[in-house]
Amino acid sequence: MIPTYHRWHVRLAMAAATVLAALAAPSAQAVPSYARQTGQDCVACHIGAFGPQLTPYGIKFKLGGYIDSDGKAGKVPLSAMLVADYTRFNEDNSNGDGTQVTSSKVALTEASIFLAGKLTDHIGSFVQVTHDGGAHSTSLDQADVRYANTVTAYGKEALVGVSVNNAPTLQDPFNTTAVWGFPYTTSNQGNAMGAETFGFSKTEHKVVGVNGYALLDDSIYAELGLYNTVAPAVQSRLGLSRSESADFGRLNNAPYWRLGYLKDLRTSAWSVGLLGMNGSIKDRHSDNLVTRFKDLGVDATYQFLGTRQHVLTVNGSILRETTTSPLEDGSVDRNTQKDYRLTASYHFMNTYGATIGSFRSTNANQEASNRGFTYQADWTPWGKESSWYAPWANLQVGLQYVAYKRYTDAVTDDTGATTFPVLSKPSDKNTLRLFAWTSF
């Protein structure tokens, strides 16, 4: 059962997510059920005919609760997705001598089923159940259920709504940070680009949030929500590792906020924003052991859309987290982590794409203080109105390469102490990946 410290709205939210997951399952992404519902091709909502980068229309569709449609009956809000890849990377030799050995692996990275689309006149969903090919497990993945409506205040039109979701920034309309940031698809293999933050990463799938939001005059965006962890037993029923859930601790009514300004100029668009989250994570076995975190971020994006023949996008974000954690000897560990991301992409005819992303993480404790570049070239033959079997057939094939300029490794000595030395040759961690991503 969910612990008593959860409020009634958390119980209702988890019940809703569980029911929706059950509907989606039998006994990062462009979802074709949305295209079938709206009568639009995928390029209307997504840059390069594939997700998750959103156009201005895509942003408003998401904020509108996934309910916009062409008015025709008989639309079923179900979709599916498959991602397969070949990954070549270096990993530590199993003999423990510190040398590297090259590994090559072919895998079905993930297979997902979605309940994605209009459920009522004001309620829509994006709920994903995923089988992880690396972990060989199936679980409730991303879940975002929304209510949205349009109201008039002081002569101005406002779009207002409520999102119930299981990951901070999953519900974010700009799709540029944390959950939706580049690279949009990754391998189960390979190496970390940076350390995870409590507020924007480690809470994913372990919490439920209720977020109220408003878009005023099609430009000013504001959002405020509260996040709570759910009991390990409930997370286990939804497919998450029981031990991982228990180790995370308890987060109670942690506030999340978001402010943004977006401008749609038809042939181009831009946005800027601020976001933050803070909370206290209590150890499940002792209320005296509490890790406190404060997250703050700023982001911006620019899109040149033109006639959709040449599309250029630039996304940037800076996230900062400060934490205080009690240690077993009674002292307190204080840490500050910063994450910098800058991504630029170009797409021709929404078919041929090239993206370069720069990442840099700094951490006072040195953990995952990595920096480097991610390069991607991709081809999307299906996903446009004139494509074969549109809008059912959608395919993207891509080549991805991660090049590290700095990499800190985790080393545990005989006493159990862990240090994070900087590798003298960070290129040993470089990763090459060829992927095929399809949805229908």
Protein backbone atom coordinates (compact mmCIF):
# COMPACT_ATOMS: atom_id res chain seq x y z
CA MET A 1 0.00 0.00 0.00
CA ILE A 2 1.02 3.62 -0.41
CA PRO A 3 2.35 5.02 2.89
CA THR A 4 0.17 7.31 4.96
CA TYR A 5 2.39 10.32 4.29
CA HIS A 6 1.02 10.44 0.74
CA ARG A 7 -1.96 12.68 0.22
CA TRP A 8 -5.24 11.68 -1.40
CA HIS A 9 -4.31 13.22 -4.74
CA VAL A 10 -1.22 11.03 -4.93
CA ARG A 11 -3.36 7.90 -4.42
CA LEU A 12 -5.72 9.03 -7.18
CA ALA A 13 -2.85 9.86 -9.51
CA MET A 14 -1.20 6.49 -9.07
CA ALA A 15 -4.51 4.71 -9.55
CA ALA A 16 -5.04 6.60 -12.82
CA ALA A 17 -1.56 5.77 -14.05
CA THR A 18 -2.00 2.10 -13.17
CA VAL A 19 -5.34 1.82 -14.96
CA LEU A 20 -3.99 3.53 -18.05
CA ALA A 21 -0.93 1.30 -18.10
CA ALA A 22 -3.16 -1.75 -17.92
CA LEU A 23 -5.18 -0.49 -20.86
CA ALA A 24 -2.03 0.05 -22.86
CA ALA A 25 -0.47 -3.35 -22.23
CA PRO A 26 -1.86 -6.69 -23.53
CA SER A 27 -2.93 -9.21 -20.43
CA ALA A 28 11.22 9.62 -26.48
CA GLN A 29 8.87 10.11 -29.30
CA ALA A 30 6.71 10.83 -32.27
CA VAL A 31 3.59 8.82 -31.61
CA PRO A 32 1.62 8.00 -34.80
CA SER A 33 -1.70 7.77 -32.96
CA TYR A 34 -1.51 11.56 -32.58
CA ALA A 35 -1.05 11.96 -36.36
CA ARG A 36 -4.02 9.69 -37.04
CA GLN A 37 -6.10 11.63 -34.48
CA THR A 38 -5.31 15.11 -35.84
CA GLY A 39 -5.10 14.23 -39.54
CA GLN A 40 -1.67 15.90 -39.59
CA ASP A 41 1.60 14.26 -40.58
CA CYS A 42 4.38 13.95 -37.99
CA VAL A 43 6.29 17.00 -39.28
CA ALA A 44 3.46 19.23 -38.06
CA CYS A 45 4.46 18.52 -34.45
CA HIS A 46 8.07 17.33 -34.72
CA ILE A 47 11.34 18.59 -36.15
CA GLY A 48 12.69 16.18 -38.76
CA ALA A 49 9.47 14.13 -38.87
CA PHE A 50 10.48 12.30 -35.70
CA GLY A 51 10.36 13.20 -32.02
CA PRO A 52 10.84 14.47 -29.54
CA GLN A 53 11.76 18.02 -30.70
CA LEU A 54 8.51 19.99 -30.93
CA THR A 55 7.39 22.69 -33.35
CA PRO A 56 5.14 25.52 -32.03
CA TYR A 57 2.13 23.48 -33.13
CA GLY A 58 3.50 20.46 -31.24
CA ILE A 59 3.97 22.54 -28.09
CA LYS A 60 0.35 23.70 -28.17
CA PHE A 61 -0.90 20.20 -28.91
CA LYS A 62 0.89 18.90 -25.81
CA LEU A 63 -0.32 21.77 -23.61
CA GLY A 64 -3.81 21.29 -25.01
CA GLY A 65 -3.94 17.86 -23.41
CA TYR A 66 -3.25 15.75 -26.53
CA ILE A 67 -6.93 16.20 -27.51
CA ASP A 68 -6.81 18.20 -30.76
CA SER A 69 -8.41 16.15 -33.55
CA ASP A 70 -9.83 16.31 -37.07
CA GLY A 71 -13.31 15.62 -35.68
CA LYS A 72 -13.62 12.22 -37.30
CA ALA A 73 -14.75 9.28 -35.20
CA GLY A 74 -13.17 5.86 -34.88
CA LYS A 75 -9.66 6.93 -33.78
CA VAL A 76 -8.00 4.46 -31.37
CA PRO A 77 -5.30 6.10 -29.17
CA LEU A 78 -2.84 3.19 -29.42
CA SER A 79 0.66 3.10 -30.90
CA ALA A 80 3.78 0.96 -30.70
CA MET A 81 7.52 1.55 -31.05
CA LEU A 82 10.66 -0.51 -31.60
CA VAL A 83 14.30 0.59 -31.29
CA ALA A 84 17.15 -1.72 -32.32
CA ASP A 85 20.84 -0.87 -32.41
CA TYR A 86 24.41 -1.95 -32.91
CA THR A 87 26.78 -0.46 -30.32
CA ARG A 88 30.58 -0.56 -30.24
CA PHE A 89 32.28 0.66 -27.07
CA ASN A 90 35.16 -0.01 -24.69
CA GLU A 91 34.68 -1.41 -21.20
CA ASP A 92 36.91 -2.54 -18.34
CA ASN A 93 38.60 -5.88 -18.82
CA SER A 94 37.00 -8.59 -16.67
CA ASN A 95 40.40 -9.64 -15.28
CA GLY A 96 40.51 -6.42 -13.26
CA ASP A 97 43.87 -5.17 -14.53
CA GLY A 98 42.40 -1.79 -15.54
CA THR A 99 42.83 -2.32 -19.29
CA GLN A 100 40.06 -1.76 -21.80
CA VAL A 101 38.47 -4.30 -24.11
CA THR A 102 36.30 -3.49 -27.13
CA SER A 103 32.74 -4.83 -27.15
CA SER A 104 30.22 -4.91 -29.98
CA LYS A 105 26.57 -5.70 -29.30
CA VAL A 106 23.38 -5.91 -31.33
CA ALA A 107 20.17 -5.60 -29.36
CA LEU A 108 16.51 -4.75 -29.41
CA THR A 109 16.96 -1.74 -27.13
CA GLU A 110 13.29 -1.24 -26.37
CA ALA A 111 9.79 -2.19 -27.43
CA SER A 112 6.92 0.03 -26.29
CA ILE A 113 3.15 0.24 -26.40
CA PHE A 114 1.46 3.64 -25.98
CA LEU A 115 -1.94 4.81 -24.86
CA ALA A 116 -1.56 8.18 -26.52
CA GLY A 117 -4.37 10.47 -27.56
CA LYS A 118 -7.76 11.91 -26.77
CA LEU A 119 -9.73 10.12 -24.04
CA THR A 120 -12.52 12.68 -23.50
CA ASP A 121 -13.23 16.21 -24.75
CA HIS A 122 -10.78 17.62 -22.19
CA ILE A 123 -8.56 14.68 -21.16
CA GLY A 124 -5.72 13.11 -23.12
CA SER A 125 -2.75 10.90 -22.42
CA PHE A 126 0.81 9.91 -23.20
CA VAL A 127 1.35 6.61 -21.37
CA GLN A 128 4.16 4.25 -22.36
CA VAL A 129 4.78 0.66 -21.30
CA THR A 130 8.27 -0.50 -22.30
CA HIS A 131 10.20 -3.73 -22.50
CA ASP A 132 13.88 -2.97 -21.90
CA GLY A 133 15.96 -5.30 -24.08
CA GLY A 134 19.07 -4.79 -21.97
CA ALA A 135 17.53 -5.38 -18.56
CA HIS A 136 15.01 -7.93 -19.91
CA SER A 137 12.22 -6.28 -17.96
CA THR A 138 8.86 -4.66 -18.71
CA SER A 139 7.56 -1.64 -16.82
CA LEU A 140 5.43 1.47 -16.90
CA ASP A 141 7.76 3.96 -18.57
CA GLN A 142 6.61 7.55 -19.17
CA ALA A 143 3.13 8.52 -18.01
CA ASP A 144 1.49 11.92 -18.56
CA VAL A 145 -2.29 12.27 -18.28
CA ARG A 146 -3.74 15.75 -18.78
CA TYR A 147 -6.87 17.82 -18.41
CA ALA A 148 -6.89 21.02 -20.47
CA ASN A 149 -9.37 23.77 -21.31
CA THR A 150 -9.40 27.29 -22.73
CA VAL A 151 -10.67 30.18 -20.61
CA THR A 152 -10.91 33.95 -21.01
CA ALA A 153 -9.56 36.30 -18.35
CA TYR A 154 -9.35 40.10 -18.58
CA GLY A 155 -10.05 39.91 -22.29
CA LYS A 156 -7.16 37.53 -22.90
CA GLU A 157 -7.40 33.88 -23.88
CA ALA A 158 -5.59 31.40 -21.67
CA LEU A 159 -4.98 27.68 -22.02
CA VAL A 160 -5.04 26.05 -18.57
CA GLY A 161 -4.51 22.47 -17.54
CA VAL A 162 -3.41 19.86 -15.03
CA SER A 163 -0.84 17.13 -15.69
CA VAL A 164 -0.47 13.94 -13.65
CA ASN A 165 2.93 12.46 -14.50
CA ASN A 166 5.73 10.26 -13.18
CA ALA A 167 8.87 12.26 -14.03
CA PRO A 168 9.76 15.95 -13.62
CA THR A 169 10.21 17.59 -17.09
CA LEU A 170 8.28 14.78 -18.80
CA GLN A 171 5.33 17.18 -18.86
CA ASP A 172 7.48 20.13 -19.98
CA PRO A 173 6.16 21.73 -23.20
CA PHE A 174 9.54 22.69 -24.67
CA ASN A 175 11.00 19.15 -24.76
CA THR A 176 14.56 20.45 -24.34
CA THR A 177 15.69 19.38 -20.85
CA ALA A 178 16.21 16.18 -18.82
CA VAL A 179 13.66 13.60 -20.05
CA TRP A 180 13.55 14.89 -23.66
CA GLY A 181 17.07 16.30 -24.13
CA PHE A 182 19.47 15.24 -26.91
CA PRO A 183 20.45 12.49 -27.66
CA TYR A 184 16.83 11.50 -28.04
CA THR A 185 17.56 7.80 -28.23
CA THR A 186 20.46 6.06 -26.48
CA SER A 187 21.82 2.57 -26.00
CA ASN A 188 21.61 0.43 -22.85
CA GLN A 189 25.36 0.00 -23.40
CA GLY A 190 28.04 2.69 -23.48
CA ASN A 191 29.01 5.26 -20.87
CA ALA A 192 27.51 8.16 -18.93
CA MET A 193 27.57 11.71 -20.22
CA GLY A 194 27.21 13.18 -16.74
CA ALA A 195 25.95 12.60 -13.21
CA GLU A 196 22.21 12.47 -12.60
CA THR A 197 20.43 15.11 -10.52
CA PHE A 198 17.86 14.27 -7.88
CA GLY A 199 15.22 16.70 -9.09
CA PHE A 200 15.42 16.14 -12.84
CA SER A 201 16.79 12.59 -13.24
CA LYS A 202 16.90 10.27 -10.22
CA THR A 203 13.23 10.82 -9.41
CA GLU A 204 12.11 9.54 -12.82
CA HIS A 205 9.47 6.77 -12.55
CA LYS A 206 9.75 6.74 -8.74
CA VAL A 207 7.40 9.67 -8.18
CA VAL A 208 4.00 10.97 -9.11
CA GLY A 209 3.43 14.67 -9.69
CA VAL A 210 0.34 16.85 -10.00
CA ASN A 211 1.16 19.99 -11.99
CA GLY A 212 -1.10 22.93 -12.80
CA TYR A 213 -0.13 25.16 -15.74
CA ALA A 214 -1.30 28.03 -17.90
CA LEU A 215 -0.32 29.48 -21.28
CA LEU A 216 -1.33 33.14 -21.51
CA ASP A 217 -1.74 34.95 -24.82
CA ASP A 218 0.03 32.05 -26.61
CA SER A 219 3.33 33.29 -25.15
CA ILE A 220 3.69 33.31 -21.35
CA TYR A 221 3.91 29.92 -19.69
CA ALA A 222 3.74 29.17 -15.96
CA GLU A 223 3.61 25.85 -14.12
CA LEU A 224 3.61 24.72 -10.49
CA GLY A 225 3.48 21.16 -9.19
CA LEU A 226 4.17 18.82 -6.27
CA TYR A 227 5.97 15.47 -6.44
CA ASN A 228 5.80 12.53 -4.05
CA THR A 229 7.49 9.14 -4.14
CA VAL A 230 5.35 6.05 -4.16
CA ALA A 231 5.89 2.94 -2.08
CA PRO A 232 8.45 0.39 -3.36
CA ALA A 233 5.72 -2.25 -3.51
CA VAL A 234 3.65 -0.11 -5.88
CA GLN A 235 6.67 0.67 -8.04
CA SER A 236 7.48 -3.03 -8.13
CA ARG A 237 3.98 -3.80 -9.44
CA LEU A 238 4.59 -1.24 -12.19
CA GLY A 239 7.82 -3.01 -13.14
CA LEU A 240 10.52 -0.94 -11.43
CA SER A 241 13.27 -2.74 -9.51
CA ARG A 242 12.17 -3.18 -5.89
CA SER A 243 15.66 -2.65 -4.48
CA GLU A 244 16.21 0.50 -6.54
CA SER A 245 12.90 1.93 -5.33
CA ALA A 246 13.63 1.16 -1.68
CA ASP A 247 17.12 2.65 -1.84
CA PHE A 248 15.82 5.95 -3.22
CA GLY A 249 13.99 7.01 -0.05
CA ARG A 250 10.88 9.12 0.44
CA LEU A 251 10.13 12.45 -1.23
CA ASN A 252 7.13 14.28 0.17
CA ASN A 253 5.40 17.22 -1.60
CA ALA A 254 8.53 18.48 -3.37
CA PRO A 255 7.67 21.66 -5.32
CA TYR A 256 8.49 21.99 -9.02
CA TRP A 257 8.07 25.24 -10.94
CA ARG A 258 8.54 26.42 -14.50
CA LEU A 259 8.37 29.82 -16.22
CA GLY A 260 8.78 30.37 -19.93
CA TYR A 261 8.21 32.72 -22.82
CA LEU A 262 7.71 31.48 -26.37
CA LYS A 263 7.21 33.33 -29.63
CA ASP A 264 5.85 31.77 -32.80
CA LEU A 265 6.86 33.85 -35.83
CA ARG A 266 5.53 31.26 -38.32
CA THR A 267 8.78 30.86 -40.26
CA SER A 268 10.77 30.78 -37.01
CA ALA A 269 10.19 30.41 -33.28
CA TRP A 270 12.11 30.88 -30.05
CA SER A 271 11.67 30.39 -26.32
CA VAL A 272 13.46 31.04 -23.03
CA GLY A 273 12.69 29.57 -19.64
CA LEU A 274 13.52 29.00 -15.99
CA LEU A 275 12.78 25.89 -13.98
CA GLY A 276 13.45 24.65 -10.47
CA MET A 277 12.75 21.93 -7.95
CA ASN A 278 13.75 21.31 -4.37
CA GLY A 279 12.99 18.68 -1.79
CA SER A 280 14.09 16.44 1.07
CA ILE A 281 14.58 12.72 0.54
CA LYS A 282 14.20 10.77 3.78
CA ASP A 283 15.81 7.39 4.29
CA ARG A 284 13.07 4.75 4.45
CA HIS A 285 14.59 3.29 7.62
CA SER A 286 15.51 6.48 9.50
CA ASP A 287 13.85 9.90 9.42
CA ASN A 288 17.10 11.39 10.73
CA LEU A 289 18.94 10.65 7.47
CA VAL A 290 17.72 13.28 5.01
CA THR A 291 19.28 14.32 1.69
CA ARG A 292 18.24 17.82 0.68
CA PHE A 293 18.52 19.11 -2.86
CA LYS A 294 17.89 22.34 -4.74
CA ASP A 295 17.76 22.35 -8.54
CA LEU A 296 17.72 25.42 -10.76
CA GLY A 297 17.88 25.59 -14.53
CA VAL A 298 17.73 27.98 -17.46
CA ASP A 299 17.11 27.01 -21.09
CA ALA A 300 16.56 28.56 -24.49
CA THR A 301 15.72 27.35 -27.98
CA TYR A 302 15.60 28.79 -31.49
CA GLN A 303 14.02 27.23 -34.58
CA PHE A 304 14.30 28.37 -38.17
CA LEU A 305 11.40 26.66 -39.93
CA GLY A 306 11.08 28.56 -43.22
CA THR A 307 9.06 26.51 -45.69
CA ARG A 308 10.13 23.29 -43.90
CA GLN A 309 12.68 22.60 -46.65
CA HIS A 310 15.60 23.72 -44.49
CA VAL A 311 15.08 23.50 -40.72
CA LEU A 312 17.68 24.66 -38.21
CA THR A 313 17.37 24.37 -34.42
CA VAL A 314 19.58 25.39 -31.50
CA ASN A 315 18.84 24.29 -27.92
CA GLY A 316 20.81 25.17 -24.80
CA SER A 317 20.40 24.55 -21.09
CA ILE A 318 22.28 24.95 -17.80
CA LEU A 319 21.15 22.98 -14.75
CA ARG A 320 22.61 23.41 -11.26
CA GLU A 321 21.98 21.23 -8.22
CA THR A 322 23.19 21.63 -4.65
CA THR A 323 22.83 18.76 -2.19
CA THR A 324 23.52 18.10 1.48
CA SER A 325 23.69 14.46 2.57
CA PRO A 326 24.36 12.98 6.04
CA LEU A 327 27.22 10.48 6.34
CA GLU A 328 27.49 7.49 8.66
CA ASP A 329 30.12 9.22 10.82
CA GLY A 330 27.71 12.07 11.56
CA SER A 331 29.29 14.59 9.19
CA VAL A 332 27.49 16.18 6.24
CA ASP A 333 28.54 15.94 2.61
CA ARG A 334 27.84 19.05 0.52
CA ASN A 335 28.00 18.89 -3.23
CA THR A 336 27.34 21.20 -6.18
CA GLN A 337 26.79 19.84 -9.65
CA LYS A 338 26.34 21.70 -12.93
CA ASP A 339 25.26 20.35 -16.28
CA TYR A 340 25.74 22.29 -19.54
CA ARG A 341 24.13 21.24 -22.83
CA LEU A 342 24.20 22.89 -26.26
CA THR A 343 22.72 21.23 -29.34
CA ALA A 344 22.43 22.35 -32.97
CA SER A 345 20.66 20.43 -35.72
CA TYR A 346 19.91 20.80 -39.42
CA HIS A 347 17.25 18.91 -41.39
CA PHE A 348 16.69 18.94 -45.14
CA MET A 349 13.14 18.22 -46.33
CA ASN A 350 12.49 16.69 -42.90
CA THR A 351 14.31 13.63 -44.23
CA TYR A 352 18.07 14.06 -43.82
CA GLY A 353 19.35 15.33 -40.48
CA ALA A 354 22.63 16.16 -38.77
CA THR A 355 23.01 17.06 -35.08
CA ILE A 356 25.95 17.98 -32.88
CA GLY A 357 25.56 18.20 -29.12
CA SER A 358 28.05 19.44 -26.56
CA PHE A 359 27.80 18.21 -22.97
CA ARG A 360 29.75 19.13 -19.86
CA SER A 361 29.18 18.13 -16.24
CA THR A 362 31.06 19.46 -13.23
CA ASN A 363 30.73 17.94 -9.80
CA ALA A 364 32.44 18.91 -6.55
CA ASN A 365 32.76 15.20 -5.74
CA GLN A 366 34.16 14.49 -9.23
CA GLU A 367 31.51 11.83 -9.88
CA ALA A 368 30.72 11.69 -13.61
CA SER A 369 32.41 15.05 -14.25
CA ASN A 370 32.50 14.35 -17.98
CA ARG A 371 32.54 16.47 -21.12
CA GLY A 372 32.53 15.82 -24.81
CA PHE A 373 30.45 15.84 -27.98
CA THR A 374 27.68 13.72 -29.48
CA TYR A 375 27.41 13.57 -33.27
CA GLN A 376 24.41 12.15 -35.10
CA ALA A 377 23.42 11.73 -38.74
CA ASP A 378 19.97 10.34 -39.49
CA TRP A 379 17.65 9.49 -42.36
CA THR A 380 13.85 9.49 -42.02
CA PRO A 381 12.34 7.97 -45.16
CA TRP A 382 8.87 7.50 -43.63
CA GLY A 383 7.02 9.95 -41.41
CA LYS A 384 5.68 12.57 -43.79
CA GLU A 385 2.35 12.97 -45.55
CA SER A 386 3.69 11.62 -48.85
CA SER A 387 5.50 8.71 -47.17
CA TRP A 388 4.65 5.08 -47.78
CA TYR A 389 1.71 3.92 -45.68
CA ALA A 390 1.46 7.23 -43.78
CA PRO A 391 0.73 7.82 -40.97
CA TRP A 392 1.19 4.20 -39.87
CA ALA A 393 4.74 3.61 -41.09
CA ASN A 394 7.46 5.74 -39.45
CA LEU A 395 11.17 4.98 -39.57
CA GLN A 396 14.42 6.70 -38.67
CA VAL A 397 17.86 5.22 -39.19
CA GLY A 398 20.81 6.96 -37.55
CA LEU A 399 24.51 6.84 -36.84
CA GLN A 400 25.57 8.24 -33.46
CA TYR A 401 29.05 8.82 -32.05
CA VAL A 402 29.92 10.00 -28.53
CA ALA A 403 33.43 11.48 -28.16
CA TYR A 404 34.70 12.18 -24.63
CA LYS A 405 37.18 14.96 -23.89
CA ARG A 406 37.15 14.27 -20.14
CA TYR A 407 35.96 11.21 -18.25
CA THR A 408 35.99 10.33 -14.56
CA ASP A 409 35.81 6.65 -13.70
CA ALA A 410 34.53 5.08 -10.47
CA VAL A 411 37.15 3.04 -8.59
CA THR A 412 36.45 1.15 -5.35
CA ASP A 413 39.42 0.11 -3.19
CA ASP A 414 39.76 -2.79 -0.74
CA THR A 415 38.23 -0.75 2.10
CA GLY A 416 35.06 -0.06 0.09
CA ALA A 417 35.88 3.61 -0.48
CA THR A 418 35.03 4.95 -3.96
CA THR A 419 37.09 7.58 -5.77
CA PHE A 420 36.63 9.16 -9.19
CA PRO A 421 39.99 9.53 -10.97
CA VAL A 422 40.17 11.34 -14.31
CA LEU A 423 41.13 9.02 -17.15
CA SER A 424 44.36 9.96 -18.91
CA LYS A 425 42.82 8.76 -22.18
CA PRO A 426 39.10 9.69 -22.18
CA SER A 427 38.74 8.53 -25.79
CA ASP A 428 38.78 4.97 -24.41
CA LYS A 429 35.14 5.59 -23.48
CA ASN A 430 34.02 6.76 -26.94
CA THR A 431 30.92 4.98 -28.26
CA LEU A 432 29.70 4.27 -31.80
CA ARG A 433 26.07 3.38 -32.36
CA LEU A 434 23.92 2.52 -35.39
CA PHE A 435 20.19 2.49 -34.67
CA ALA A 436 16.84 1.85 -36.33
CA TRP A 437 13.80 3.48 -34.71
CA THR A 438 10.30 2.73 -35.92
CA SER A 439 6.81 3.51 -34.66
CA PHE A 440 3.35 2.66 -35.92
